[in-house]
Amino acid sequence: MGDTNGQVVAGGHGEGNRLDQLIWPTDVLIDKEMDSLIICDHMNRRVVRWSRRSGTTQGEILVDNITCYGLAMDDQRNLYISDFDKGEVRRYPIGDKNGSLVAGGRGTGAGLNQLNGPTYIFVDEQQAVYITDYGKERVMKWNKGATEGIVVAGGQGQGNALTQLWNPYGLFVDTLGTIYVADAGNN
């Protein structure tokens, strides 16, 4: 602590699609078991893993052909990835390239079984998935195995009232179930 100089640990070789490059990374998490970073490489439409060991010069593709935006990992090391364009969140056991649908996936829209631009996600201990649904100004909760979600914040159009959000991005849910949302449009 106290060091004021950063260090590039992934990418850093200019914008591009080589395995030593990223374009518009939107989220990152640490896989402690593999001592690696998992990164949403949004504009390259892929999720990559970068080892945190010194000497690492490129990442490896975990999932491709996905407009990834947000990442989460549960206690069983399942990876959850939001696909902004498809309006869905999928769960990927490590090594699985296809994953299984856990939220949305029924076209983009405002229905409780739909998402419209899902960005960031949080998975709790019961594997309930919380999603900032950017296009509909809401936070959705999808319980494990559910076919539709529950609006838990916003969903009343764009605005600054206590029942509204305006460009929700990051979120966190504490152990008491309190939801914290980075409401970008309301600063």
N, C-alpha and C. Protein backbone atom coordinates (compact mmCIF):
# COMPACT_ATOMS: atom_id res chain seq x y z
N MET A 1 0.84 -1.19 0.00
CA MET A 1 0.00 0.00 0.00
C MET A 1 0.88 1.24 0.00
N GLY A 2 0.33 2.33 -0.46
CA GLY A 2 1.05 3.57 -0.49
C GLY A 2 1.79 3.82 -1.79
N ASP A 3 1.91 2.80 -2.64
CA ASP A 3 2.58 2.99 -3.93
C ASP A 3 1.66 3.81 -4.83
N THR A 4 2.17 4.83 -5.45
CA THR A 4 1.36 5.69 -6.30
C THR A 4 1.49 5.36 -7.78
N ASN A 5 2.32 4.41 -8.14
CA ASN A 5 2.50 4.02 -9.54
C ASN A 5 1.80 2.70 -9.80
N GLY A 6 0.99 2.68 -10.86
CA GLY A 6 0.31 1.45 -11.25
C GLY A 6 1.22 0.55 -12.06
N GLN A 7 0.69 -0.63 -12.37
CA GLN A 7 1.44 -1.61 -13.14
C GLN A 7 0.47 -2.29 -14.09
N VAL A 8 0.79 -2.37 -15.36
CA VAL A 8 -0.05 -3.05 -16.34
C VAL A 8 0.09 -4.55 -16.12
N VAL A 9 -1.04 -5.25 -15.92
CA VAL A 9 -1.00 -6.69 -15.68
C VAL A 9 -1.73 -7.48 -16.77
N ALA A 10 -2.45 -6.79 -17.65
CA ALA A 10 -3.14 -7.44 -18.77
C ALA A 10 -3.28 -6.42 -19.89
N GLY A 11 -3.12 -6.87 -21.13
CA GLY A 11 -3.17 -5.94 -22.24
C GLY A 11 -1.90 -5.10 -22.27
N GLY A 12 -2.08 -3.82 -22.56
CA GLY A 12 -0.94 -2.91 -22.56
C GLY A 12 -0.14 -2.89 -23.84
N HIS A 13 -0.61 -3.59 -24.85
CA HIS A 13 0.09 -3.64 -26.14
C HIS A 13 -0.74 -2.97 -27.23
N GLY A 14 -1.45 -1.92 -26.85
CA GLY A 14 -2.29 -1.20 -27.80
C GLY A 14 -3.61 -1.92 -28.00
N GLU A 15 -4.50 -1.23 -28.69
CA GLU A 15 -5.82 -1.78 -28.99
C GLU A 15 -5.69 -2.82 -30.09
N GLY A 16 -6.35 -3.97 -29.91
CA GLY A 16 -6.29 -5.00 -30.94
C GLY A 16 -6.89 -6.30 -30.47
N ASN A 17 -6.87 -7.30 -31.35
CA ASN A 17 -7.52 -8.58 -31.02
C ASN A 17 -6.54 -9.73 -30.80
N ARG A 18 -5.24 -9.42 -30.71
CA ARG A 18 -4.30 -10.48 -30.35
C ARG A 18 -4.52 -10.86 -28.89
N LEU A 19 -3.97 -11.98 -28.48
CA LEU A 19 -4.15 -12.44 -27.10
C LEU A 19 -3.37 -11.62 -26.08
N ASP A 20 -2.50 -10.73 -26.55
CA ASP A 20 -1.81 -9.82 -25.63
C ASP A 20 -2.43 -8.42 -25.66
N GLN A 21 -3.65 -8.31 -26.23
CA GLN A 21 -4.33 -7.03 -26.35
C GLN A 21 -5.78 -7.14 -25.87
N LEU A 22 -6.33 -6.00 -25.51
CA LEU A 22 -7.74 -5.88 -25.13
C LEU A 22 -8.32 -4.68 -25.85
N ILE A 23 -9.65 -4.69 -26.05
CA ILE A 23 -10.35 -3.50 -26.53
C ILE A 23 -11.56 -3.29 -25.62
N TRP A 24 -11.54 -2.20 -24.88
CA TRP A 24 -12.62 -1.78 -24.01
C TRP A 24 -12.99 -2.84 -22.97
N PRO A 25 -12.04 -3.21 -22.12
CA PRO A 25 -12.37 -4.15 -21.04
C PRO A 25 -13.37 -3.50 -20.08
N THR A 26 -14.43 -4.21 -19.73
CA THR A 26 -15.50 -3.62 -18.92
C THR A 26 -15.60 -4.18 -17.51
N ASP A 27 -15.05 -5.35 -17.24
CA ASP A 27 -15.13 -5.91 -15.89
C ASP A 27 -13.98 -6.90 -15.70
N VAL A 28 -13.64 -7.12 -14.46
CA VAL A 28 -12.55 -8.04 -14.12
C VAL A 28 -12.85 -8.66 -12.76
N LEU A 29 -12.46 -9.91 -12.59
CA LEU A 29 -12.53 -10.54 -11.28
C LEU A 29 -11.29 -11.39 -11.09
N ILE A 30 -11.04 -11.75 -9.85
CA ILE A 30 -9.88 -12.59 -9.53
C ILE A 30 -10.36 -14.00 -9.25
N ASP A 31 -9.80 -14.97 -9.95
CA ASP A 31 -10.02 -16.38 -9.67
C ASP A 31 -8.87 -16.80 -8.76
N LYS A 32 -9.14 -16.84 -7.46
CA LYS A 32 -8.09 -17.12 -6.48
C LYS A 32 -7.49 -18.51 -6.65
N GLU A 33 -8.35 -19.48 -6.98
CA GLU A 33 -7.86 -20.85 -7.12
C GLU A 33 -6.85 -20.99 -8.25
N MET A 34 -7.06 -20.26 -9.34
CA MET A 34 -6.14 -20.32 -10.49
C MET A 34 -5.13 -19.18 -10.48
N ASP A 35 -5.20 -18.31 -9.47
CA ASP A 35 -4.34 -17.14 -9.36
C ASP A 35 -4.30 -16.39 -10.69
N SER A 36 -5.51 -16.02 -11.15
CA SER A 36 -5.61 -15.36 -12.45
C SER A 36 -6.69 -14.29 -12.43
N LEU A 37 -6.63 -13.43 -13.42
CA LEU A 37 -7.67 -12.43 -13.67
C LEU A 37 -8.56 -12.96 -14.78
N ILE A 38 -9.86 -12.75 -14.64
CA ILE A 38 -10.81 -13.04 -15.72
C ILE A 38 -11.39 -11.70 -16.14
N ILE A 39 -11.32 -11.41 -17.43
CA ILE A 39 -11.62 -10.07 -17.94
C ILE A 39 -12.66 -10.14 -19.05
N CYS A 40 -13.67 -9.25 -18.98
CA CYS A 40 -14.59 -9.03 -20.10
C CYS A 40 -13.87 -8.15 -21.11
N ASP A 41 -13.51 -8.71 -22.24
CA ASP A 41 -12.87 -7.97 -23.33
C ASP A 41 -13.99 -7.61 -24.31
N HIS A 42 -14.75 -6.59 -23.94
CA HIS A 42 -16.04 -6.26 -24.56
C HIS A 42 -15.99 -6.15 -26.09
N MET A 43 -15.14 -5.30 -26.60
CA MET A 43 -15.15 -5.05 -28.05
C MET A 43 -14.51 -6.18 -28.85
N ASN A 44 -13.77 -7.05 -28.21
CA ASN A 44 -13.27 -8.26 -28.88
C ASN A 44 -14.25 -9.41 -28.75
N ARG A 45 -15.37 -9.18 -28.07
CA ARG A 45 -16.44 -10.18 -27.91
C ARG A 45 -15.90 -11.48 -27.32
N ARG A 46 -15.19 -11.34 -26.19
CA ARG A 46 -14.62 -12.53 -25.56
C ARG A 46 -14.38 -12.27 -24.07
N VAL A 47 -14.24 -13.38 -23.35
CA VAL A 47 -13.82 -13.35 -21.96
C VAL A 47 -12.49 -14.07 -21.91
N VAL A 48 -11.49 -13.42 -21.31
CA VAL A 48 -10.14 -13.97 -21.29
C VAL A 48 -9.64 -14.14 -19.86
N ARG A 49 -8.71 -15.08 -19.70
CA ARG A 49 -8.04 -15.30 -18.42
C ARG A 49 -6.57 -14.91 -18.58
N TRP A 50 -6.08 -14.13 -17.60
CA TRP A 50 -4.66 -13.76 -17.55
C TRP A 50 -4.11 -14.23 -16.22
N SER A 51 -3.06 -15.01 -16.27
CA SER A 51 -2.39 -15.45 -15.04
C SER A 51 -1.80 -14.24 -14.33
N ARG A 52 -1.82 -14.27 -13.00
CA ARG A 52 -1.19 -13.19 -12.23
C ARG A 52 0.28 -13.48 -11.95
N ARG A 53 0.76 -14.60 -12.40
CA ARG A 53 2.17 -14.94 -12.20
C ARG A 53 3.05 -14.05 -13.08
N SER A 54 4.18 -13.68 -12.58
CA SER A 54 5.07 -12.81 -13.36
C SER A 54 5.52 -13.54 -14.62
N GLY A 55 5.72 -12.77 -15.67
CA GLY A 55 6.16 -13.34 -16.93
C GLY A 55 5.01 -13.65 -17.89
N THR A 56 3.77 -13.50 -17.45
CA THR A 56 2.63 -13.74 -18.34
C THR A 56 2.59 -12.66 -19.40
N THR A 57 2.51 -13.07 -20.66
CA THR A 57 2.53 -12.10 -21.75
C THR A 57 1.25 -12.07 -22.57
N GLN A 58 0.34 -13.02 -22.34
CA GLN A 58 -0.93 -13.00 -23.07
C GLN A 58 -1.98 -13.77 -22.31
N GLY A 59 -3.23 -13.52 -22.69
CA GLY A 59 -4.35 -14.21 -22.07
C GLY A 59 -4.75 -15.44 -22.86
N GLU A 60 -5.72 -16.16 -22.31
CA GLU A 60 -6.33 -17.29 -23.02
C GLU A 60 -7.83 -17.04 -23.07
N ILE A 61 -8.46 -17.43 -24.16
CA ILE A 61 -9.90 -17.21 -24.33
C ILE A 61 -10.67 -18.28 -23.57
N LEU A 62 -11.57 -17.84 -22.68
CA LEU A 62 -12.46 -18.76 -21.97
C LEU A 62 -13.78 -18.91 -22.70
N VAL A 63 -14.35 -17.78 -23.15
CA VAL A 63 -15.62 -17.77 -23.87
C VAL A 63 -15.49 -16.72 -24.97
N ASP A 64 -15.94 -17.06 -26.18
CA ASP A 64 -15.91 -16.06 -27.24
C ASP A 64 -17.28 -15.92 -27.87
N ASN A 65 -17.39 -14.99 -28.83
CA ASN A 65 -18.64 -14.68 -29.50
C ASN A 65 -19.71 -14.22 -28.50
N ILE A 66 -19.32 -13.32 -27.61
CA ILE A 66 -20.22 -12.82 -26.58
C ILE A 66 -19.94 -11.33 -26.36
N THR A 67 -20.98 -10.52 -26.34
CA THR A 67 -20.82 -9.10 -26.06
C THR A 67 -20.85 -8.93 -24.54
N CYS A 68 -19.80 -9.42 -23.91
CA CYS A 68 -19.74 -9.45 -22.44
C CYS A 68 -19.65 -8.05 -21.88
N TYR A 69 -20.22 -7.90 -20.71
CA TYR A 69 -20.14 -6.62 -20.00
C TYR A 69 -19.79 -6.83 -18.54
N GLY A 70 -20.48 -7.76 -17.88
CA GLY A 70 -20.25 -7.99 -16.46
C GLY A 70 -19.90 -9.44 -16.17
N LEU A 71 -19.20 -9.62 -15.05
CA LEU A 71 -18.75 -10.95 -14.60
C LEU A 71 -19.06 -11.14 -13.13
N ALA A 72 -19.29 -12.38 -12.75
CA ALA A 72 -19.35 -12.76 -11.34
C ALA A 72 -18.95 -14.23 -11.26
N MET A 73 -18.54 -14.66 -10.07
CA MET A 73 -18.20 -16.06 -9.85
C MET A 73 -18.81 -16.48 -8.53
N ASP A 74 -19.46 -17.67 -8.53
CA ASP A 74 -20.07 -18.15 -7.29
C ASP A 74 -19.08 -19.02 -6.50
N ASP A 75 -19.54 -19.53 -5.37
CA ASP A 75 -18.67 -20.32 -4.49
C ASP A 75 -18.19 -21.62 -5.12
N GLN A 76 -18.92 -22.13 -6.13
CA GLN A 76 -18.52 -23.36 -6.82
C GLN A 76 -17.65 -23.06 -8.05
N ARG A 77 -17.23 -21.80 -8.19
CA ARG A 77 -16.39 -21.33 -9.30
C ARG A 77 -17.10 -21.34 -10.64
N ASN A 78 -18.44 -21.30 -10.65
CA ASN A 78 -19.17 -21.08 -11.89
C ASN A 78 -19.01 -19.61 -12.26
N LEU A 79 -18.77 -19.35 -13.53
CA LEU A 79 -18.60 -18.00 -14.03
C LEU A 79 -19.93 -17.53 -14.61
N TYR A 80 -20.38 -16.34 -14.23
CA TYR A 80 -21.60 -15.74 -14.75
C TYR A 80 -21.20 -14.57 -15.63
N ILE A 81 -21.76 -14.51 -16.84
CA ILE A 81 -21.39 -13.47 -17.80
C ILE A 81 -22.65 -12.86 -18.39
N SER A 82 -22.73 -11.51 -18.37
CA SER A 82 -23.85 -10.83 -19.03
C SER A 82 -23.49 -10.59 -20.49
N ASP A 83 -24.45 -10.83 -21.37
CA ASP A 83 -24.29 -10.57 -22.80
C ASP A 83 -25.20 -9.40 -23.14
N PHE A 84 -24.60 -8.23 -23.33
CA PHE A 84 -25.33 -6.98 -23.53
C PHE A 84 -26.27 -7.06 -24.73
N ASP A 85 -25.78 -7.55 -25.86
CA ASP A 85 -26.58 -7.57 -27.09
C ASP A 85 -27.68 -8.61 -27.08
N LYS A 86 -27.42 -9.79 -26.53
CA LYS A 86 -28.42 -10.86 -26.51
C LYS A 86 -29.43 -10.68 -25.38
N GLY A 87 -29.15 -9.80 -24.43
CA GLY A 87 -30.06 -9.58 -23.31
C GLY A 87 -30.17 -10.80 -22.42
N GLU A 88 -29.03 -11.35 -22.03
CA GLU A 88 -29.06 -12.55 -21.20
C GLU A 88 -27.84 -12.64 -20.30
N VAL A 89 -27.97 -13.48 -19.28
CA VAL A 89 -26.86 -13.86 -18.42
C VAL A 89 -26.78 -15.37 -18.45
N ARG A 90 -25.56 -15.89 -18.64
CA ARG A 90 -25.34 -17.33 -18.67
C ARG A 90 -24.35 -17.72 -17.58
N ARG A 91 -24.49 -18.96 -17.10
CA ARG A 91 -23.56 -19.53 -16.12
C ARG A 91 -22.67 -20.54 -16.84
N TYR A 92 -21.37 -20.42 -16.61
CA TYR A 92 -20.37 -21.27 -17.25
C TYR A 92 -19.55 -21.99 -16.20
N PRO A 93 -19.72 -23.30 -16.06
CA PRO A 93 -18.74 -24.03 -15.26
C PRO A 93 -17.37 -23.85 -15.94
N ILE A 94 -16.31 -23.78 -15.16
CA ILE A 94 -14.98 -23.57 -15.75
C ILE A 94 -14.71 -24.65 -16.81
N GLY A 95 -14.31 -24.21 -17.99
CA GLY A 95 -14.04 -25.11 -19.11
C GLY A 95 -15.20 -25.25 -20.08
N ASP A 96 -16.41 -24.83 -19.69
CA ASP A 96 -17.59 -24.91 -20.56
C ASP A 96 -17.65 -23.65 -21.41
N LYS A 97 -17.74 -23.81 -22.73
CA LYS A 97 -17.77 -22.67 -23.64
C LYS A 97 -19.19 -22.21 -23.98
N ASN A 98 -20.22 -23.01 -23.65
CA ASN A 98 -21.59 -22.67 -24.03
C ASN A 98 -22.40 -22.10 -22.88
N GLY A 99 -22.22 -22.62 -21.70
CA GLY A 99 -22.96 -22.14 -20.54
C GLY A 99 -24.43 -22.47 -20.59
N SER A 100 -25.12 -22.14 -19.51
CA SER A 100 -26.57 -22.34 -19.44
C SER A 100 -27.23 -21.03 -19.06
N LEU A 101 -28.38 -20.78 -19.64
CA LEU A 101 -29.12 -19.55 -19.43
C LEU A 101 -29.62 -19.46 -17.99
N VAL A 102 -29.38 -18.33 -17.33
CA VAL A 102 -29.91 -18.13 -15.97
C VAL A 102 -30.81 -16.90 -15.89
N ALA A 103 -30.76 -16.00 -16.88
CA ALA A 103 -31.61 -14.81 -16.86
C ALA A 103 -31.76 -14.27 -18.27
N GLY A 104 -32.97 -13.80 -18.59
CA GLY A 104 -33.23 -13.22 -19.90
C GLY A 104 -33.23 -14.27 -20.99
N GLY A 105 -32.66 -13.90 -22.15
CA GLY A 105 -32.56 -14.84 -23.26
C GLY A 105 -33.83 -14.99 -24.07
N ARG A 106 -34.80 -14.13 -23.84
CA ARG A 106 -36.07 -14.20 -24.56
C ARG A 106 -36.29 -12.92 -25.37
N GLY A 107 -35.22 -12.48 -25.99
CA GLY A 107 -35.26 -11.22 -26.73
C GLY A 107 -35.13 -10.05 -25.77
N THR A 108 -34.71 -8.90 -26.29
CA THR A 108 -34.59 -7.74 -25.41
C THR A 108 -35.95 -7.09 -25.22
N GLY A 109 -36.21 -6.59 -24.03
CA GLY A 109 -37.49 -5.95 -23.76
C GLY A 109 -37.66 -5.64 -22.29
N ALA A 110 -38.90 -5.26 -21.94
CA ALA A 110 -39.22 -4.83 -20.58
C ALA A 110 -39.94 -5.90 -19.77
N GLY A 111 -40.22 -7.06 -20.37
CA GLY A 111 -40.92 -8.12 -19.63
C GLY A 111 -40.08 -8.64 -18.48
N LEU A 112 -40.72 -9.27 -17.52
CA LEU A 112 -40.00 -9.83 -16.38
C LEU A 112 -39.13 -11.02 -16.78
N ASN A 113 -39.38 -11.58 -17.98
CA ASN A 113 -38.55 -12.68 -18.48
C ASN A 113 -37.52 -12.18 -19.50
N GLN A 114 -37.32 -10.86 -19.56
CA GLN A 114 -36.41 -10.26 -20.53
C GLN A 114 -35.43 -9.30 -19.86
N LEU A 115 -34.35 -9.06 -20.55
CA LEU A 115 -33.39 -8.03 -20.16
C LEU A 115 -33.13 -7.16 -21.39
N ASN A 116 -32.71 -5.93 -21.15
CA ASN A 116 -32.43 -5.02 -22.26
C ASN A 116 -31.12 -4.29 -21.97
N GLY A 117 -30.02 -4.89 -22.35
CA GLY A 117 -28.71 -4.31 -22.08
C GLY A 117 -28.21 -4.61 -20.69
N PRO A 118 -28.16 -5.90 -20.30
CA PRO A 118 -27.63 -6.22 -18.97
C PRO A 118 -26.14 -5.87 -18.89
N THR A 119 -25.79 -5.19 -17.81
CA THR A 119 -24.39 -4.79 -17.65
C THR A 119 -23.77 -5.59 -16.51
N TYR A 120 -23.76 -5.06 -15.32
CA TYR A 120 -23.04 -5.71 -14.22
C TYR A 120 -23.92 -6.67 -13.45
N ILE A 121 -23.29 -7.67 -12.83
CA ILE A 121 -24.02 -8.72 -12.13
C ILE A 121 -23.38 -9.02 -10.78
N PHE A 122 -24.21 -9.55 -9.91
CA PHE A 122 -23.76 -10.00 -8.59
C PHE A 122 -24.49 -11.31 -8.30
N VAL A 123 -23.78 -12.29 -7.78
CA VAL A 123 -24.38 -13.58 -7.44
C VAL A 123 -24.25 -13.78 -5.94
N ASP A 124 -25.38 -14.05 -5.26
CA ASP A 124 -25.31 -14.25 -3.81
C ASP A 124 -25.07 -15.72 -3.47
N GLU A 125 -25.07 -16.03 -2.18
CA GLU A 125 -24.75 -17.40 -1.73
C GLU A 125 -25.79 -18.42 -2.15
N GLN A 126 -27.03 -17.99 -2.43
CA GLN A 126 -28.08 -18.90 -2.90
C GLN A 126 -28.12 -19.00 -4.43
N GLN A 127 -27.14 -18.44 -5.09
CA GLN A 127 -27.02 -18.37 -6.55
C GLN A 127 -28.14 -17.56 -7.19
N ALA A 128 -28.73 -16.63 -6.42
CA ALA A 128 -29.61 -15.63 -7.03
C ALA A 128 -28.72 -14.64 -7.76
N VAL A 129 -29.15 -14.23 -8.95
CA VAL A 129 -28.36 -13.34 -9.80
C VAL A 129 -29.04 -11.97 -9.84
N TYR A 130 -28.29 -10.94 -9.46
CA TYR A 130 -28.75 -9.56 -9.53
C TYR A 130 -28.09 -8.92 -10.75
N ILE A 131 -28.88 -8.17 -11.53
CA ILE A 131 -28.40 -7.66 -12.81
C ILE A 131 -28.79 -6.20 -12.96
N THR A 132 -27.83 -5.34 -13.30
CA THR A 132 -28.20 -3.98 -13.69
C THR A 132 -28.63 -4.05 -15.16
N ASP A 133 -29.90 -3.73 -15.39
CA ASP A 133 -30.51 -3.79 -16.72
C ASP A 133 -30.53 -2.37 -17.28
N TYR A 134 -29.42 -2.00 -17.87
CA TYR A 134 -29.15 -0.64 -18.33
C TYR A 134 -30.27 -0.08 -19.22
N GLY A 135 -30.74 -0.86 -20.18
CA GLY A 135 -31.72 -0.38 -21.14
C GLY A 135 -33.10 -0.14 -20.57
N LYS A 136 -33.39 -0.70 -19.41
CA LYS A 136 -34.70 -0.51 -18.78
C LYS A 136 -34.60 0.18 -17.43
N GLU A 137 -33.41 0.72 -17.12
CA GLU A 137 -33.22 1.53 -15.91
C GLU A 137 -33.70 0.81 -14.65
N ARG A 138 -33.24 -0.44 -14.49
CA ARG A 138 -33.70 -1.23 -13.35
C ARG A 138 -32.63 -2.21 -12.91
N VAL A 139 -32.82 -2.75 -11.71
CA VAL A 139 -32.03 -3.87 -11.22
C VAL A 139 -32.98 -5.04 -11.08
N MET A 140 -32.61 -6.17 -11.67
CA MET A 140 -33.44 -7.37 -11.62
C MET A 140 -32.77 -8.42 -10.75
N LYS A 141 -33.59 -9.21 -10.06
CA LYS A 141 -33.10 -10.36 -9.30
C LYS A 141 -33.74 -11.60 -9.91
N TRP A 142 -32.90 -12.56 -10.25
CA TRP A 142 -33.36 -13.84 -10.77
C TRP A 142 -32.94 -14.91 -9.77
N ASN A 143 -33.91 -15.51 -9.10
CA ASN A 143 -33.60 -16.60 -8.18
C ASN A 143 -33.14 -17.82 -8.97
N LYS A 144 -32.36 -18.68 -8.34
CA LYS A 144 -31.85 -19.87 -9.01
C LYS A 144 -33.02 -20.68 -9.59
N GLY A 145 -32.94 -21.01 -10.88
CA GLY A 145 -33.96 -21.80 -11.55
C GLY A 145 -35.18 -21.03 -12.01
N ALA A 146 -35.26 -19.73 -11.75
CA ALA A 146 -36.43 -18.93 -12.12
C ALA A 146 -36.50 -18.72 -13.63
N THR A 147 -37.72 -18.57 -14.16
CA THR A 147 -37.91 -18.28 -15.57
C THR A 147 -38.21 -16.80 -15.80
N GLU A 148 -38.36 -16.06 -14.72
CA GLU A 148 -38.48 -14.61 -14.83
C GLU A 148 -37.91 -13.97 -13.58
N GLY A 149 -37.57 -12.70 -13.73
CA GLY A 149 -36.95 -11.98 -12.63
C GLY A 149 -37.93 -11.12 -11.87
N ILE A 150 -37.40 -10.48 -10.84
CA ILE A 150 -38.15 -9.56 -9.99
C ILE A 150 -37.43 -8.22 -10.05
N VAL A 151 -38.17 -7.14 -10.26
CA VAL A 151 -37.57 -5.81 -10.23
C VAL A 151 -37.32 -5.46 -8.77
N VAL A 152 -36.06 -5.22 -8.40
CA VAL A 152 -35.72 -4.90 -7.01
C VAL A 152 -35.27 -3.45 -6.84
N ALA A 153 -35.05 -2.73 -7.93
CA ALA A 153 -34.73 -1.30 -7.87
C ALA A 153 -35.03 -0.69 -9.23
N GLY A 154 -35.54 0.54 -9.22
CA GLY A 154 -35.82 1.24 -10.46
C GLY A 154 -36.99 0.63 -11.21
N GLY A 155 -36.90 0.65 -12.54
CA GLY A 155 -37.96 0.10 -13.37
C GLY A 155 -39.12 1.06 -13.59
N GLN A 156 -38.97 2.30 -13.13
CA GLN A 156 -40.02 3.31 -13.27
C GLN A 156 -39.60 4.40 -14.26
N GLY A 157 -38.83 4.00 -15.25
CA GLY A 157 -38.33 4.95 -16.23
C GLY A 157 -37.10 5.67 -15.73
N GLN A 158 -36.47 6.39 -16.63
CA GLN A 158 -35.25 7.12 -16.31
C GLN A 158 -35.57 8.36 -15.49
N GLY A 159 -34.84 8.57 -14.41
CA GLY A 159 -35.08 9.78 -13.61
C GLY A 159 -34.32 9.76 -12.31
N ASN A 160 -34.61 10.78 -11.48
CA ASN A 160 -33.89 10.91 -10.22
C ASN A 160 -34.76 10.73 -8.98
N ALA A 161 -35.99 10.25 -9.15
CA ALA A 161 -36.82 9.92 -7.99
C ALA A 161 -36.26 8.68 -7.31
N LEU A 162 -36.62 8.45 -6.06
CA LEU A 162 -36.11 7.30 -5.32
C LEU A 162 -36.55 5.97 -5.92
N THR A 163 -37.57 5.99 -6.78
CA THR A 163 -38.04 4.77 -7.44
C THR A 163 -37.47 4.62 -8.85
N GLN A 164 -36.54 5.50 -9.21
CA GLN A 164 -35.99 5.50 -10.56
C GLN A 164 -34.46 5.38 -10.54
N LEU A 165 -33.93 4.88 -11.65
CA LEU A 165 -32.50 4.86 -11.89
C LEU A 165 -32.25 5.52 -13.24
N TRP A 166 -31.00 5.91 -13.47
CA TRP A 166 -30.64 6.53 -14.74
C TRP A 166 -29.25 6.01 -15.10
N ASN A 167 -29.22 5.03 -15.96
CA ASN A 167 -27.99 4.35 -16.38
C ASN A 167 -27.32 3.60 -15.22
N PRO A 168 -28.00 2.59 -14.67
CA PRO A 168 -27.38 1.80 -13.60
C PRO A 168 -26.23 0.96 -14.14
N TYR A 169 -25.15 0.92 -13.40
CA TYR A 169 -23.98 0.12 -13.80
C TYR A 169 -23.65 -0.88 -12.71
N GLY A 170 -22.61 -0.61 -11.94
CA GLY A 170 -22.14 -1.56 -10.95
C GLY A 170 -23.13 -1.78 -9.81
N LEU A 171 -23.04 -2.96 -9.18
CA LEU A 171 -23.88 -3.21 -8.02
C LEU A 171 -23.21 -4.20 -7.09
N PHE A 172 -23.67 -4.16 -5.85
CA PHE A 172 -23.18 -5.05 -4.81
C PHE A 172 -24.34 -5.33 -3.87
N VAL A 173 -24.44 -6.57 -3.40
CA VAL A 173 -25.47 -6.95 -2.44
C VAL A 173 -24.75 -7.46 -1.20
N ASP A 174 -25.03 -6.83 -0.04
CA ASP A 174 -24.34 -7.27 1.18
C ASP A 174 -25.04 -8.48 1.79
N THR A 175 -24.50 -9.01 2.86
CA THR A 175 -25.03 -10.24 3.48
C THR A 175 -26.42 -10.04 4.08
N LEU A 176 -26.83 -8.80 4.29
CA LEU A 176 -28.18 -8.51 4.80
C LEU A 176 -29.18 -8.35 3.66
N GLY A 177 -28.70 -8.39 2.41
CA GLY A 177 -29.58 -8.23 1.26
C GLY A 177 -29.75 -6.80 0.80
N THR A 178 -29.01 -5.87 1.37
CA THR A 178 -29.07 -4.48 0.92
C THR A 178 -28.35 -4.37 -0.41
N ILE A 179 -29.01 -3.72 -1.37
CA ILE A 179 -28.48 -3.59 -2.73
C ILE A 179 -27.89 -2.20 -2.90
N TYR A 180 -26.66 -2.14 -3.36
CA TYR A 180 -25.98 -0.88 -3.65
C TYR A 180 -25.79 -0.80 -5.16
N VAL A 181 -26.23 0.33 -5.77
CA VAL A 181 -26.18 0.48 -7.22
C VAL A 181 -25.39 1.73 -7.58
N ALA A 182 -24.47 1.61 -8.52
CA ALA A 182 -23.81 2.78 -9.10
C ALA A 182 -24.75 3.35 -10.15
N ASP A 183 -25.42 4.44 -9.80
CA ASP A 183 -26.45 5.07 -10.64
C ASP A 183 -25.79 6.20 -11.42
N ALA A 184 -25.15 5.86 -12.54
CA ALA A 184 -24.27 6.78 -13.26
C ALA A 184 -24.96 8.08 -13.68
N GLY A 185 -26.17 8.00 -14.20
CA GLY A 185 -26.87 9.19 -14.68
C GLY A 185 -27.26 10.15 -13.59
N ASN A 186 -27.37 9.67 -12.37
CA ASN A 186 -27.71 10.54 -11.24
C ASN A 186 -26.49 10.92 -10.41
N ASN A 187 -25.32 10.53 -10.90
CA ASN A 187 -24.07 10.90 -10.23
C ASN A 187 -24.01 10.46 -8.79
